Amino acid sequence: MPCECHLFNKSDKNTFKFLCQNKVNNNLITMKEEQDTCKDRGPPVEITNEEFERLKKTWDKKGYKFIIDKKTKEIIFV
């Protein structure tokens, strides 16, 4: 199920099903599929260690595997 973010319109709730992040949240695609497919990204953000640990627990529970780029600190799903 590919990302279709271009069909998303924040003022129309009927289009929320197309948003890549909603597809991940609803277990329709994995974080790896979202990262490989969705090229419409916002700017990078820094997160606290506490937030990273919270996300890591969620990703581990869902079976998502990732690495962290040592240079850029970007999280890359594998």
N, C-alpha and C. Protein backbone atom coordinates (compact mmCIF):
# COMPACT_ATOMS: atom_id res chain seq x y z
N MET A 1 0.86 -1.18 0.00
CA MET A 1 0.00 0.00 0.00
C MET A 1 0.90 1.23 0.00
N PRO A 2 1.09 1.85 -1.15
CA PRO A 2 2.03 2.97 -1.24
C PRO A 2 1.51 4.23 -0.55
N CYS A 3 2.45 5.10 -0.23
CA CYS A 3 2.07 6.40 0.31
C CYS A 3 1.38 7.21 -0.78
N GLU A 4 0.39 7.95 -0.39
CA GLU A 4 -0.34 8.80 -1.32
C GLU A 4 -0.56 10.17 -0.68
N CYS A 5 0.52 10.70 -0.10
CA CYS A 5 0.42 11.95 0.64
C CYS A 5 -0.09 13.09 -0.22
N HIS A 6 0.15 13.01 -1.52
CA HIS A 6 -0.31 14.08 -2.41
C HIS A 6 -1.85 14.16 -2.44
N LEU A 7 -2.53 13.09 -2.00
CA LEU A 7 -3.99 13.10 -1.96
C LEU A 7 -4.53 13.60 -0.63
N PHE A 8 -3.63 13.81 0.34
CA PHE A 8 -4.03 14.25 1.67
C PHE A 8 -4.34 15.74 1.67
N ASN A 9 -5.46 16.08 2.31
CA ASN A 9 -5.87 17.48 2.48
C ASN A 9 -6.28 17.64 3.93
N LYS A 10 -5.51 18.44 4.69
CA LYS A 10 -5.76 18.53 6.13
C LYS A 10 -7.12 19.10 6.48
N SER A 11 -7.78 19.75 5.54
CA SER A 11 -9.12 20.29 5.83
C SER A 11 -10.23 19.29 5.47
N ASP A 12 -9.87 18.12 4.96
CA ASP A 12 -10.86 17.11 4.58
C ASP A 12 -10.51 15.79 5.26
N LYS A 13 -11.26 15.44 6.32
CA LYS A 13 -10.97 14.23 7.08
C LYS A 13 -11.08 12.96 6.24
N ASN A 14 -11.80 13.02 5.15
CA ASN A 14 -11.93 11.85 4.27
C ASN A 14 -10.60 11.50 3.59
N THR A 15 -9.67 12.44 3.58
CA THR A 15 -8.38 12.18 2.92
C THR A 15 -7.30 11.75 3.91
N PHE A 16 -7.60 11.69 5.20
CA PHE A 16 -6.59 11.33 6.20
C PHE A 16 -6.03 9.93 5.95
N LYS A 17 -6.81 9.05 5.30
CA LYS A 17 -6.37 7.69 5.03
C LYS A 17 -5.18 7.64 4.07
N PHE A 18 -4.94 8.73 3.35
CA PHE A 18 -3.84 8.76 2.40
C PHE A 18 -2.51 9.18 3.02
N LEU A 19 -2.55 9.80 4.19
CA LEU A 19 -1.34 10.32 4.82
C LEU A 19 -0.42 9.18 5.26
N CYS A 20 0.84 9.26 4.85
CA CYS A 20 1.80 8.20 5.13
C CYS A 20 1.88 7.89 6.62
N GLN A 21 1.97 8.91 7.45
CA GLN A 21 2.12 8.66 8.89
C GLN A 21 0.89 7.96 9.45
N ASN A 22 -0.29 8.29 8.96
CA ASN A 22 -1.50 7.59 9.41
C ASN A 22 -1.47 6.12 9.00
N LYS A 23 -0.91 5.83 7.82
CA LYS A 23 -0.80 4.44 7.39
C LYS A 23 0.14 3.67 8.32
N VAL A 24 1.22 4.31 8.75
CA VAL A 24 2.13 3.67 9.71
C VAL A 24 1.41 3.48 11.04
N ASN A 25 0.74 4.51 11.51
CA ASN A 25 0.05 4.44 12.80
C ASN A 25 -1.02 3.35 12.82
N ASN A 26 -1.63 3.10 11.66
CA ASN A 26 -2.69 2.09 11.56
C ASN A 26 -2.16 0.73 11.09
N ASN A 27 -0.84 0.57 11.12
CA ASN A 27 -0.17 -0.69 10.75
C ASN A 27 -0.49 -1.14 9.33
N LEU A 28 -0.71 -0.19 8.43
CA LEU A 28 -0.94 -0.53 7.04
C LEU A 28 0.37 -0.61 6.26
N ILE A 29 1.39 0.14 6.72
CA ILE A 29 2.73 0.07 6.15
C ILE A 29 3.72 0.15 7.31
N THR A 30 4.95 -0.28 7.07
CA THR A 30 5.98 -0.21 8.09
C THR A 30 6.73 1.11 7.99
N MET A 31 7.52 1.39 9.00
CA MET A 31 8.35 2.60 8.96
C MET A 31 9.34 2.52 7.80
N LYS A 32 9.86 1.34 7.50
CA LYS A 32 10.79 1.16 6.37
C LYS A 32 10.08 1.50 5.07
N GLU A 33 8.86 1.01 4.88
CA GLU A 33 8.11 1.32 3.66
C GLU A 33 7.83 2.81 3.56
N GLU A 34 7.49 3.42 4.68
CA GLU A 34 7.23 4.87 4.69
C GLU A 34 8.50 5.63 4.33
N GLN A 35 9.62 5.23 4.92
CA GLN A 35 10.88 5.93 4.67
C GLN A 35 11.34 5.76 3.22
N ASP A 36 11.12 4.58 2.65
CA ASP A 36 11.53 4.33 1.27
C ASP A 36 10.62 5.02 0.26
N THR A 37 9.35 5.18 0.60
CA THR A 37 8.36 5.66 -0.35
C THR A 37 8.09 7.15 -0.25
N CYS A 38 7.90 7.63 0.96
CA CYS A 38 7.46 9.01 1.15
C CYS A 38 8.65 9.97 1.07
N LYS A 39 8.67 10.78 0.06
CA LYS A 39 9.75 11.73 -0.13
C LYS A 39 9.36 13.15 0.29
N ASP A 40 8.13 13.32 0.70
CA ASP A 40 7.63 14.63 1.13
C ASP A 40 7.89 14.77 2.62
N ARG A 41 9.10 15.13 2.98
CA ARG A 41 9.52 15.18 4.39
C ARG A 41 9.73 16.61 4.86
N GLY A 42 9.46 16.81 6.11
CA GLY A 42 9.76 18.09 6.72
C GLY A 42 11.24 18.14 7.07
N PRO A 43 11.65 19.22 7.70
CA PRO A 43 13.06 19.35 8.09
C PRO A 43 13.40 18.37 9.22
N PRO A 44 14.66 17.99 9.33
CA PRO A 44 15.06 17.10 10.43
C PRO A 44 14.80 17.77 11.79
N VAL A 45 14.45 16.96 12.76
CA VAL A 45 14.24 17.48 14.11
C VAL A 45 15.11 16.69 15.08
N GLU A 46 15.53 17.35 16.13
CA GLU A 46 16.27 16.68 17.19
C GLU A 46 15.28 16.23 18.25
N ILE A 47 15.52 15.05 18.82
CA ILE A 47 14.66 14.57 19.89
C ILE A 47 15.52 14.29 21.12
N THR A 48 14.89 14.32 22.25
CA THR A 48 15.60 14.05 23.50
C THR A 48 15.87 12.55 23.62
N ASN A 49 16.77 12.20 24.52
CA ASN A 49 17.03 10.78 24.78
C ASN A 49 15.78 10.08 25.28
N GLU A 50 14.99 10.79 26.09
CA GLU A 50 13.76 10.20 26.61
C GLU A 50 12.78 9.89 25.48
N GLU A 51 12.65 10.80 24.52
CA GLU A 51 11.75 10.59 23.39
C GLU A 51 12.27 9.44 22.52
N PHE A 52 13.59 9.38 22.32
CA PHE A 52 14.16 8.29 21.55
C PHE A 52 13.85 6.96 22.21
N GLU A 53 14.00 6.87 23.51
CA GLU A 53 13.72 5.63 24.23
C GLU A 53 12.25 5.25 24.12
N ARG A 54 11.37 6.23 24.16
CA ARG A 54 9.93 5.97 24.01
C ARG A 54 9.65 5.40 22.61
N LEU A 55 10.23 6.05 21.59
CA LEU A 55 10.03 5.58 20.22
C LEU A 55 10.65 4.20 20.03
N LYS A 56 11.83 4.00 20.58
CA LYS A 56 12.51 2.72 20.45
C LYS A 56 11.65 1.58 21.01
N LYS A 57 11.02 1.80 22.14
CA LYS A 57 10.14 0.79 22.72
C LYS A 57 8.99 0.46 21.77
N THR A 58 8.41 1.49 21.17
CA THR A 58 7.31 1.29 20.22
C THR A 58 7.80 0.52 19.01
N TRP A 59 8.93 0.93 18.46
CA TRP A 59 9.47 0.27 17.26
C TRP A 59 9.85 -1.17 17.56
N ASP A 60 10.46 -1.40 18.73
CA ASP A 60 10.83 -2.77 19.11
C ASP A 60 9.58 -3.65 19.23
N LYS A 61 8.53 -3.10 19.83
CA LYS A 61 7.28 -3.84 20.00
C LYS A 61 6.67 -4.23 18.65
N LYS A 62 6.82 -3.34 17.67
CA LYS A 62 6.27 -3.60 16.33
C LYS A 62 7.24 -4.38 15.44
N GLY A 63 8.45 -4.61 15.93
CA GLY A 63 9.44 -5.37 15.16
C GLY A 63 10.19 -4.56 14.14
N TYR A 64 10.17 -3.24 14.25
CA TYR A 64 10.89 -2.38 13.30
C TYR A 64 12.37 -2.37 13.66
N LYS A 65 13.22 -2.62 12.67
CA LYS A 65 14.66 -2.59 12.86
C LYS A 65 15.20 -1.29 12.27
N PHE A 66 16.20 -0.73 12.94
CA PHE A 66 16.77 0.53 12.45
C PHE A 66 18.23 0.63 12.84
N ILE A 67 18.91 1.53 12.14
CA ILE A 67 20.28 1.90 12.49
C ILE A 67 20.32 3.42 12.59
N ILE A 68 21.34 3.93 13.22
CA ILE A 68 21.51 5.37 13.33
C ILE A 68 22.79 5.75 12.60
N ASP A 69 22.66 6.63 11.62
CA ASP A 69 23.81 7.11 10.87
C ASP A 69 24.73 7.86 11.83
N LYS A 70 25.96 7.40 11.96
CA LYS A 70 26.90 7.99 12.92
C LYS A 70 27.21 9.45 12.61
N LYS A 71 27.21 9.79 11.33
CA LYS A 71 27.57 11.16 10.94
C LYS A 71 26.38 12.12 11.09
N THR A 72 25.25 11.74 10.51
CA THR A 72 24.09 12.65 10.49
C THR A 72 23.14 12.45 11.66
N LYS A 73 23.27 11.32 12.37
CA LYS A 73 22.38 10.93 13.48
C LYS A 73 20.97 10.63 13.00
N GLU A 74 20.80 10.44 11.70
CA GLU A 74 19.49 10.11 11.14
C GLU A 74 19.15 8.66 11.46
N ILE A 75 17.90 8.41 11.80
CA ILE A 75 17.41 7.05 12.05
C ILE A 75 17.00 6.48 10.69
N ILE A 76 17.58 5.33 10.36
CA ILE A 76 17.31 4.68 9.08
C ILE A 76 16.71 3.31 9.35
N PHE A 77 15.51 3.08 8.85
CA PHE A 77 14.84 1.79 9.06
C PHE A 77 15.33 0.79 8.03
N VAL A 78 15.58 -0.43 8.48
CA VAL A 78 16.12 -1.48 7.60
C VAL A 78 15.16 -2.66 7.52
